[in-house]
Amino acid sequence: MEVFEKEYPEIAVYWSDPTSLDNLELPKYSPEVAATIYESWDVAAKNLLSKLWKANSAWIFHEPVDLEKLNIPDYYEVVTEPMDLGTVKNKLNMNKYKNVQEFIDDINLIFLNCIKYNGEDSSVGKMCKNVREEFQRLYNQFNIEFYR
């Protein structure tokens, strides 16, 4: 115990004087924040994705880009790493992500690809920006930063 007390005096004080725990300040989460801290990052990500899926304009990202249907044969020349919410959902459900950062990277890739191909000022680019803003709002609401 002496070695421990010398190496970790700030912790050892609680062992030697348990009443000092009364003065220990722990982080306090508001009820809203506490309600959105889940057991694991993937549960939070699934909840976020479920909400994002239903967001206005998110429907354009539900499936991979259909080159023939949209008559955009050059899409893969511009976008070399395509991504969509359906693929993200599948990867999440199949436990393909190692951590929350990989999930976030794929979501951001959707927005980057969209702006890269369509531009920010196009109607699709504006829809993308709205969905991206909703993602950011949900990111904060679901405390995704907590899992990083």
N, C-alpha and C. Protein backbone atom coordinates (compact mmCIF):
# COMPACT_ATOMS: atom_id res chain seq x y z
N MET A 1 0.82 -1.19 0.00
CA MET A 1 0.00 0.00 0.00
C MET A 1 0.86 1.25 0.00
N GLU A 2 2.01 1.19 0.67
CA GLU A 2 2.90 2.35 0.71
C GLU A 2 3.37 2.76 -0.68
N VAL A 3 3.70 1.76 -1.48
CA VAL A 3 4.15 2.04 -2.85
C VAL A 3 3.03 2.71 -3.63
N PHE A 4 1.82 2.18 -3.48
CA PHE A 4 0.66 2.74 -4.16
C PHE A 4 0.44 4.18 -3.72
N GLU A 5 0.50 4.43 -2.42
CA GLU A 5 0.29 5.79 -1.90
C GLU A 5 1.34 6.78 -2.43
N LYS A 6 2.57 6.29 -2.61
CA LYS A 6 3.62 7.16 -3.14
C LYS A 6 3.41 7.44 -4.63
N GLU A 7 3.01 6.40 -5.38
CA GLU A 7 2.84 6.56 -6.82
C GLU A 7 1.55 7.28 -7.19
N TYR A 8 0.50 7.05 -6.40
CA TYR A 8 -0.82 7.62 -6.73
C TYR A 8 -1.45 8.30 -5.52
N PRO A 9 -0.81 9.34 -5.01
CA PRO A 9 -1.34 9.98 -3.79
C PRO A 9 -2.74 10.56 -3.98
N GLU A 10 -3.05 11.03 -5.21
CA GLU A 10 -4.37 11.63 -5.45
C GLU A 10 -5.48 10.58 -5.37
N ILE A 11 -5.15 9.32 -5.60
CA ILE A 11 -6.14 8.24 -5.49
C ILE A 11 -6.11 7.63 -4.09
N ALA A 12 -4.93 7.48 -3.55
CA ALA A 12 -4.77 6.84 -2.24
C ALA A 12 -5.52 7.57 -1.13
N VAL A 13 -5.70 8.88 -1.29
CA VAL A 13 -6.42 9.65 -0.27
C VAL A 13 -7.83 9.10 -0.06
N TYR A 14 -8.44 8.62 -1.14
CA TYR A 14 -9.80 8.08 -1.02
C TYR A 14 -9.81 6.74 -0.28
N TRP A 15 -8.72 6.03 -0.37
CA TRP A 15 -8.60 4.75 0.34
C TRP A 15 -8.39 4.98 1.83
N SER A 16 -7.53 5.93 2.13
CA SER A 16 -7.22 6.19 3.54
C SER A 16 -8.30 6.99 4.25
N ASP A 17 -9.06 7.79 3.51
CA ASP A 17 -10.13 8.60 4.10
C ASP A 17 -11.37 8.53 3.21
N PRO A 18 -12.20 7.50 3.37
CA PRO A 18 -13.38 7.32 2.51
C PRO A 18 -14.34 8.51 2.52
N THR A 19 -14.33 9.33 3.57
CA THR A 19 -15.23 10.48 3.60
C THR A 19 -14.82 11.52 2.56
N SER A 20 -13.57 11.46 2.09
CA SER A 20 -13.13 12.40 1.06
C SER A 20 -13.85 12.15 -0.27
N LEU A 21 -14.47 11.00 -0.41
CA LEU A 21 -15.27 10.73 -1.62
C LEU A 21 -16.46 11.68 -1.73
N ASP A 22 -16.91 12.19 -0.59
CA ASP A 22 -18.03 13.13 -0.61
C ASP A 22 -17.67 14.41 -1.37
N ASN A 23 -16.40 14.74 -1.41
CA ASN A 23 -15.95 15.95 -2.09
C ASN A 23 -15.51 15.70 -3.54
N LEU A 24 -15.56 14.46 -3.95
CA LEU A 24 -15.14 14.10 -5.30
C LEU A 24 -16.16 14.63 -6.30
N GLU A 25 -15.69 15.38 -7.27
CA GLU A 25 -16.59 15.94 -8.28
C GLU A 25 -16.58 15.04 -9.51
N LEU A 26 -17.72 14.47 -9.79
CA LEU A 26 -17.90 13.63 -10.96
C LEU A 26 -18.59 14.43 -12.05
N PRO A 27 -18.35 14.07 -13.31
CA PRO A 27 -19.05 14.80 -14.38
C PRO A 27 -20.55 14.60 -14.24
N LYS A 28 -21.28 15.67 -14.43
CA LYS A 28 -22.73 15.60 -14.34
C LYS A 28 -23.31 15.79 -15.73
N TYR A 29 -24.19 14.89 -16.06
CA TYR A 29 -24.85 14.99 -17.36
C TYR A 29 -26.28 15.44 -17.13
N SER A 30 -26.74 16.30 -17.99
CA SER A 30 -28.13 16.71 -17.92
C SER A 30 -29.00 15.50 -18.22
N PRO A 31 -30.27 15.51 -17.82
CA PRO A 31 -31.15 14.36 -18.13
C PRO A 31 -31.20 14.05 -19.62
N GLU A 32 -31.13 15.09 -20.46
CA GLU A 32 -31.16 14.87 -21.90
C GLU A 32 -29.92 14.12 -22.37
N VAL A 33 -28.77 14.53 -21.85
CA VAL A 33 -27.52 13.88 -22.24
C VAL A 33 -27.47 12.47 -21.67
N ALA A 34 -27.80 12.31 -20.42
CA ALA A 34 -27.77 10.99 -19.80
C ALA A 34 -28.70 10.02 -20.51
N ALA A 35 -29.80 10.52 -21.02
CA ALA A 35 -30.76 9.65 -21.70
C ALA A 35 -30.23 9.16 -23.04
N THR A 36 -29.25 9.85 -23.59
CA THR A 36 -28.75 9.46 -24.90
C THR A 36 -27.35 8.84 -24.85
N ILE A 37 -26.89 8.46 -23.69
CA ILE A 37 -25.63 7.72 -23.60
C ILE A 37 -26.01 6.25 -23.52
N TYR A 38 -25.62 5.52 -24.56
CA TYR A 38 -26.00 4.13 -24.69
C TYR A 38 -24.89 3.22 -24.22
N GLU A 39 -25.24 1.95 -24.12
CA GLU A 39 -24.31 0.93 -23.68
C GLU A 39 -23.05 0.88 -24.54
N SER A 40 -23.24 1.03 -25.84
CA SER A 40 -22.11 0.95 -26.76
C SER A 40 -22.30 1.92 -27.92
N TRP A 41 -21.22 2.21 -28.60
CA TRP A 41 -21.25 3.16 -29.69
C TRP A 41 -22.17 2.70 -30.81
N ASP A 42 -22.22 1.39 -31.05
CA ASP A 42 -23.02 0.91 -32.18
C ASP A 42 -24.51 1.07 -31.93
N VAL A 43 -24.93 1.00 -30.69
CA VAL A 43 -26.35 1.25 -30.38
C VAL A 43 -26.67 2.71 -30.64
N ALA A 44 -25.78 3.60 -30.23
CA ALA A 44 -25.98 5.03 -30.49
C ALA A 44 -25.98 5.29 -31.99
N ALA A 45 -25.07 4.65 -32.71
CA ALA A 45 -24.98 4.84 -34.17
C ALA A 45 -26.25 4.34 -34.86
N LYS A 46 -26.77 3.22 -34.43
CA LYS A 46 -28.00 2.69 -35.03
C LYS A 46 -29.18 3.62 -34.78
N ASN A 47 -29.25 4.18 -33.61
CA ASN A 47 -30.32 5.13 -33.30
C ASN A 47 -30.17 6.40 -34.12
N LEU A 48 -28.95 6.89 -34.23
CA LEU A 48 -28.70 8.07 -35.05
C LEU A 48 -29.08 7.79 -36.50
N LEU A 49 -28.65 6.67 -37.03
CA LEU A 49 -28.92 6.34 -38.43
C LEU A 49 -30.41 6.19 -38.69
N SER A 50 -31.11 5.62 -37.74
CA SER A 50 -32.56 5.47 -37.87
C SER A 50 -33.24 6.82 -38.02
N LYS A 51 -32.82 7.79 -37.23
CA LYS A 51 -33.38 9.14 -37.31
C LYS A 51 -32.94 9.83 -38.61
N LEU A 52 -31.66 9.69 -38.96
CA LEU A 52 -31.15 10.33 -40.16
C LEU A 52 -31.86 9.78 -41.40
N TRP A 53 -32.13 8.51 -41.41
CA TRP A 53 -32.80 7.85 -42.53
C TRP A 53 -34.13 8.53 -42.86
N LYS A 54 -34.81 9.01 -41.83
CA LYS A 54 -36.14 9.62 -41.98
C LYS A 54 -36.10 11.12 -42.24
N ALA A 55 -34.92 11.69 -42.21
CA ALA A 55 -34.78 13.14 -42.37
C ALA A 55 -35.21 13.58 -43.77
N ASN A 56 -35.69 14.83 -43.85
CA ASN A 56 -36.04 15.40 -45.15
C ASN A 56 -34.84 15.29 -46.09
N SER A 57 -35.08 14.87 -47.29
CA SER A 57 -34.08 14.74 -48.36
C SER A 57 -33.12 13.57 -48.18
N ALA A 58 -33.15 12.87 -47.07
CA ALA A 58 -32.23 11.75 -46.88
C ALA A 58 -32.50 10.61 -47.85
N TRP A 59 -33.70 10.58 -48.41
CA TRP A 59 -34.06 9.51 -49.34
C TRP A 59 -33.09 9.42 -50.52
N ILE A 60 -32.45 10.52 -50.87
CA ILE A 60 -31.52 10.47 -52.01
C ILE A 60 -30.28 9.64 -51.69
N PHE A 61 -30.05 9.36 -50.42
CA PHE A 61 -28.88 8.59 -50.00
C PHE A 61 -29.22 7.18 -49.54
N HIS A 62 -30.47 6.75 -49.66
CA HIS A 62 -30.87 5.44 -49.17
C HIS A 62 -30.22 4.28 -49.92
N GLU A 63 -29.93 4.47 -51.19
CA GLU A 63 -29.37 3.39 -52.02
C GLU A 63 -28.16 3.90 -52.78
N PRO A 64 -27.34 2.97 -53.27
CA PRO A 64 -26.22 3.41 -54.12
C PRO A 64 -26.73 4.18 -55.33
N VAL A 65 -25.90 5.07 -55.83
CA VAL A 65 -26.25 5.87 -57.01
C VAL A 65 -26.47 4.92 -58.20
N ASP A 66 -27.60 5.09 -58.87
CA ASP A 66 -27.94 4.29 -60.06
C ASP A 66 -27.57 5.11 -61.30
N LEU A 67 -26.45 4.74 -61.91
CA LEU A 67 -25.92 5.51 -63.05
C LEU A 67 -26.89 5.55 -64.24
N GLU A 68 -27.51 4.42 -64.51
CA GLU A 68 -28.43 4.36 -65.66
C GLU A 68 -29.70 5.15 -65.39
N LYS A 69 -30.28 4.93 -64.24
CA LYS A 69 -31.54 5.61 -63.88
C LYS A 69 -31.36 7.13 -63.88
N LEU A 70 -30.22 7.58 -63.37
CA LEU A 70 -29.96 9.02 -63.27
C LEU A 70 -29.23 9.58 -64.49
N ASN A 71 -28.87 8.70 -65.41
CA ASN A 71 -28.17 9.09 -66.64
C ASN A 71 -26.91 9.90 -66.34
N ILE A 72 -26.07 9.32 -65.48
CA ILE A 72 -24.80 9.96 -65.12
C ILE A 72 -23.66 8.94 -65.27
N PRO A 73 -23.34 8.58 -66.50
CA PRO A 73 -22.33 7.53 -66.73
C PRO A 73 -20.93 7.87 -66.21
N ASP A 74 -20.64 9.13 -65.97
CA ASP A 74 -19.31 9.52 -65.51
C ASP A 74 -19.16 9.51 -63.99
N TYR A 75 -20.19 9.11 -63.27
CA TYR A 75 -20.18 9.21 -61.81
C TYR A 75 -18.95 8.55 -61.19
N TYR A 76 -18.63 7.33 -61.62
CA TYR A 76 -17.50 6.61 -61.01
C TYR A 76 -16.14 7.15 -61.46
N GLU A 77 -16.14 7.99 -62.45
CA GLU A 77 -14.90 8.67 -62.82
C GLU A 77 -14.60 9.80 -61.84
N VAL A 78 -15.65 10.38 -61.28
CA VAL A 78 -15.51 11.47 -60.32
C VAL A 78 -15.47 10.94 -58.89
N VAL A 79 -16.36 10.02 -58.59
CA VAL A 79 -16.47 9.45 -57.24
C VAL A 79 -15.85 8.06 -57.26
N THR A 80 -14.68 7.95 -56.66
CA THR A 80 -13.95 6.68 -56.70
C THR A 80 -14.27 5.76 -55.52
N GLU A 81 -14.89 6.30 -54.49
CA GLU A 81 -15.25 5.50 -53.31
C GLU A 81 -16.71 5.80 -52.94
N PRO A 82 -17.65 5.21 -53.66
CA PRO A 82 -19.07 5.51 -53.40
C PRO A 82 -19.52 5.00 -52.03
N MET A 83 -20.52 5.70 -51.48
CA MET A 83 -21.09 5.30 -50.19
C MET A 83 -22.52 5.83 -50.13
N ASP A 84 -23.37 5.11 -49.42
CA ASP A 84 -24.76 5.51 -49.25
C ASP A 84 -25.25 5.03 -47.89
N LEU A 85 -26.39 5.55 -47.45
CA LEU A 85 -26.92 5.20 -46.13
C LEU A 85 -27.31 3.73 -46.04
N GLY A 86 -27.80 3.15 -47.15
CA GLY A 86 -28.16 1.73 -47.14
C GLY A 86 -26.95 0.86 -46.87
N THR A 87 -25.82 1.20 -47.48
CA THR A 87 -24.58 0.46 -47.25
C THR A 87 -24.10 0.64 -45.82
N VAL A 88 -24.19 1.86 -45.31
CA VAL A 88 -23.81 2.13 -43.92
C VAL A 88 -24.68 1.30 -42.98
N LYS A 89 -25.97 1.29 -43.24
CA LYS A 89 -26.92 0.52 -42.41
C LYS A 89 -26.56 -0.96 -42.42
N ASN A 90 -26.27 -1.48 -43.60
CA ASN A 90 -25.90 -2.89 -43.72
C ASN A 90 -24.60 -3.19 -42.98
N LYS A 91 -23.60 -2.34 -43.16
CA LYS A 91 -22.31 -2.53 -42.49
C LYS A 91 -22.48 -2.48 -40.97
N LEU A 92 -23.32 -1.57 -40.51
CA LEU A 92 -23.58 -1.43 -39.08
C LEU A 92 -24.27 -2.68 -38.54
N ASN A 93 -25.27 -3.16 -39.25
CA ASN A 93 -26.00 -4.36 -38.81
C ASN A 93 -25.17 -5.63 -38.89
N MET A 94 -24.18 -5.64 -39.78
CA MET A 94 -23.31 -6.81 -39.94
C MET A 94 -22.03 -6.70 -39.10
N ASN A 95 -21.97 -5.68 -38.24
CA ASN A 95 -20.81 -5.45 -37.37
C ASN A 95 -19.50 -5.33 -38.16
N LYS A 96 -19.55 -4.61 -39.27
CA LYS A 96 -18.36 -4.43 -40.12
C LYS A 96 -17.48 -3.27 -39.63
N TYR A 97 -18.05 -2.39 -38.82
CA TYR A 97 -17.27 -1.27 -38.31
C TYR A 97 -16.53 -1.69 -37.05
N LYS A 98 -15.25 -1.33 -36.98
CA LYS A 98 -14.45 -1.64 -35.80
C LYS A 98 -14.68 -0.63 -34.68
N ASN A 99 -15.06 0.59 -35.08
CA ASN A 99 -15.25 1.64 -34.08
C ASN A 99 -16.15 2.73 -34.65
N VAL A 100 -16.51 3.66 -33.81
CA VAL A 100 -17.44 4.72 -34.20
C VAL A 100 -16.83 5.63 -35.27
N GLN A 101 -15.51 5.78 -35.29
CA GLN A 101 -14.88 6.64 -36.27
C GLN A 101 -15.08 6.12 -37.69
N GLU A 102 -15.03 4.82 -37.87
CA GLU A 102 -15.27 4.24 -39.21
C GLU A 102 -16.70 4.54 -39.68
N PHE A 103 -17.65 4.46 -38.76
CA PHE A 103 -19.04 4.79 -39.06
C PHE A 103 -19.15 6.26 -39.49
N ILE A 104 -18.57 7.15 -38.71
CA ILE A 104 -18.60 8.59 -39.00
C ILE A 104 -17.93 8.88 -40.34
N ASP A 105 -16.82 8.21 -40.60
CA ASP A 105 -16.10 8.43 -41.86
C ASP A 105 -16.98 8.06 -43.06
N ASP A 106 -17.71 6.96 -42.95
CA ASP A 106 -18.59 6.57 -44.06
C ASP A 106 -19.74 7.55 -44.25
N ILE A 107 -20.31 8.02 -43.16
CA ILE A 107 -21.38 9.02 -43.27
C ILE A 107 -20.85 10.28 -43.95
N ASN A 108 -19.69 10.74 -43.51
CA ASN A 108 -19.10 11.94 -44.11
C ASN A 108 -18.73 11.72 -45.57
N LEU A 109 -18.32 10.50 -45.92
CA LEU A 109 -18.00 10.18 -47.30
C LEU A 109 -19.21 10.37 -48.22
N ILE A 110 -20.38 10.03 -47.72
CA ILE A 110 -21.62 10.23 -48.49
C ILE A 110 -21.75 11.71 -48.88
N PHE A 111 -21.56 12.58 -47.90
CA PHE A 111 -21.71 14.02 -48.15
C PHE A 111 -20.59 14.56 -49.05
N LEU A 112 -19.37 14.10 -48.81
CA LEU A 112 -18.25 14.55 -49.65
C LEU A 112 -18.45 14.15 -51.10
N ASN A 113 -18.87 12.91 -51.32
CA ASN A 113 -19.12 12.43 -52.69
C ASN A 113 -20.21 13.24 -53.37
N CYS A 114 -21.26 13.50 -52.65
CA CYS A 114 -22.40 14.23 -53.21
C CYS A 114 -21.97 15.64 -53.64
N ILE A 115 -21.27 16.33 -52.78
CA ILE A 115 -20.83 17.69 -53.10
C ILE A 115 -19.78 17.65 -54.22
N LYS A 116 -18.90 16.67 -54.18
CA LYS A 116 -17.86 16.55 -55.21
C LYS A 116 -18.49 16.38 -56.60
N TYR A 117 -19.51 15.56 -56.70
CA TYR A 117 -20.12 15.30 -58.00
C TYR A 117 -21.11 16.39 -58.43
N ASN A 118 -21.92 16.85 -57.47
CA ASN A 118 -23.02 17.76 -57.81
C ASN A 118 -22.73 19.23 -57.58
N GLY A 119 -21.74 19.53 -56.73
CA GLY A 119 -21.47 20.92 -56.35
C GLY A 119 -22.40 21.36 -55.23
N GLU A 120 -21.98 22.35 -54.48
CA GLU A 120 -22.75 22.81 -53.33
C GLU A 120 -24.01 23.58 -53.71
N ASP A 121 -23.98 24.24 -54.85
CA ASP A 121 -25.08 25.12 -55.22
C ASP A 121 -26.16 24.45 -56.05
N SER A 122 -25.95 23.19 -56.41
CA SER A 122 -26.97 22.47 -57.18
C SER A 122 -28.12 22.10 -56.24
N SER A 123 -29.25 21.72 -56.80
CA SER A 123 -30.38 21.32 -55.96
C SER A 123 -30.02 20.09 -55.12
N VAL A 124 -29.28 19.15 -55.70
CA VAL A 124 -28.85 17.97 -54.95
C VAL A 124 -27.84 18.37 -53.88
N GLY A 125 -26.94 19.29 -54.21
CA GLY A 125 -25.97 19.77 -53.23
C GLY A 125 -26.64 20.43 -52.04
N LYS A 126 -27.69 21.18 -52.30
CA LYS A 126 -28.44 21.84 -51.21
C LYS A 126 -29.15 20.80 -50.35
N MET A 127 -29.70 19.77 -50.98
CA MET A 127 -30.34 18.69 -50.22
C MET A 127 -29.29 18.00 -49.34
N CYS A 128 -28.13 17.79 -49.91
CA CYS A 128 -27.02 17.16 -49.18
C CYS A 128 -26.64 17.97 -47.95
N LYS A 129 -26.52 19.28 -48.14
CA LYS A 129 -26.16 20.14 -47.02
C LYS A 129 -27.20 20.07 -45.90
N ASN A 130 -28.48 19.98 -46.27
CA ASN A 130 -29.53 19.84 -45.26
C ASN A 130 -29.41 18.54 -44.49
N VAL A 131 -29.14 17.46 -45.20
CA VAL A 131 -29.00 16.16 -44.53
C VAL A 131 -27.74 16.17 -43.66
N ARG A 132 -26.67 16.78 -44.16
CA ARG A 132 -25.43 16.88 -43.38
C ARG A 132 -25.65 17.67 -42.09
N GLU A 133 -26.42 18.75 -42.17
CA GLU A 133 -26.74 19.53 -40.97
C GLU A 133 -27.56 18.70 -39.99
N GLU A 134 -28.49 17.91 -40.51
CA GLU A 134 -29.27 17.03 -39.64
C GLU A 134 -28.38 15.98 -38.99
N PHE A 135 -27.42 15.45 -39.75
CA PHE A 135 -26.46 14.51 -39.17
C PHE A 135 -25.70 15.15 -38.02
N GLN A 136 -25.24 16.38 -38.22
CA GLN A 136 -24.50 17.06 -37.16
C GLN A 136 -25.37 17.28 -35.93
N ARG A 137 -26.62 17.64 -36.15
CA ARG A 137 -27.54 17.84 -35.03
C ARG A 137 -27.73 16.51 -34.27
N LEU A 138 -27.91 15.43 -35.00
CA LEU A 138 -28.09 14.12 -34.37
C LEU A 138 -26.80 13.63 -33.70
N TYR A 139 -25.67 13.94 -34.33
CA TYR A 139 -24.37 13.61 -33.75
C TYR A 139 -24.26 14.21 -32.34
N ASN A 140 -24.68 15.46 -32.22
CA ASN A 140 -24.65 16.14 -30.92
C ASN A 140 -25.71 15.57 -29.98
N GLN A 141 -26.90 15.35 -30.50
CA GLN A 141 -28.00 14.84 -29.68
C GLN A 141 -27.67 13.46 -29.10
N PHE A 142 -27.06 12.61 -29.91
CA PHE A 142 -26.75 11.26 -29.47
C PHE A 142 -25.37 11.14 -28.84
N ASN A 143 -24.72 12.28 -28.61
CA ASN A 143 -23.42 12.32 -27.93
C ASN A 143 -22.40 11.37 -28.53
N ILE A 144 -22.32 11.36 -29.83
CA ILE A 144 -21.39 10.45 -30.51
C ILE A 144 -19.96 10.74 -30.11
N GLU A 145 -19.65 11.98 -29.80
CA GLU A 145 -18.31 12.34 -29.35
C GLU A 145 -17.91 11.52 -28.11
N PHE A 146 -18.86 11.17 -27.29
CA PHE A 146 -18.64 10.38 -26.08
C PHE A 146 -17.98 9.04 -26.39
N TYR A 147 -18.24 8.49 -27.56
CA TYR A 147 -17.76 7.15 -27.92
C TYR A 147 -16.45 7.16 -28.69
N ARG A 148 -15.91 8.35 -28.98
CA ARG A 148 -14.67 8.43 -29.76
C ARG A 148 -13.46 8.18 -28.93
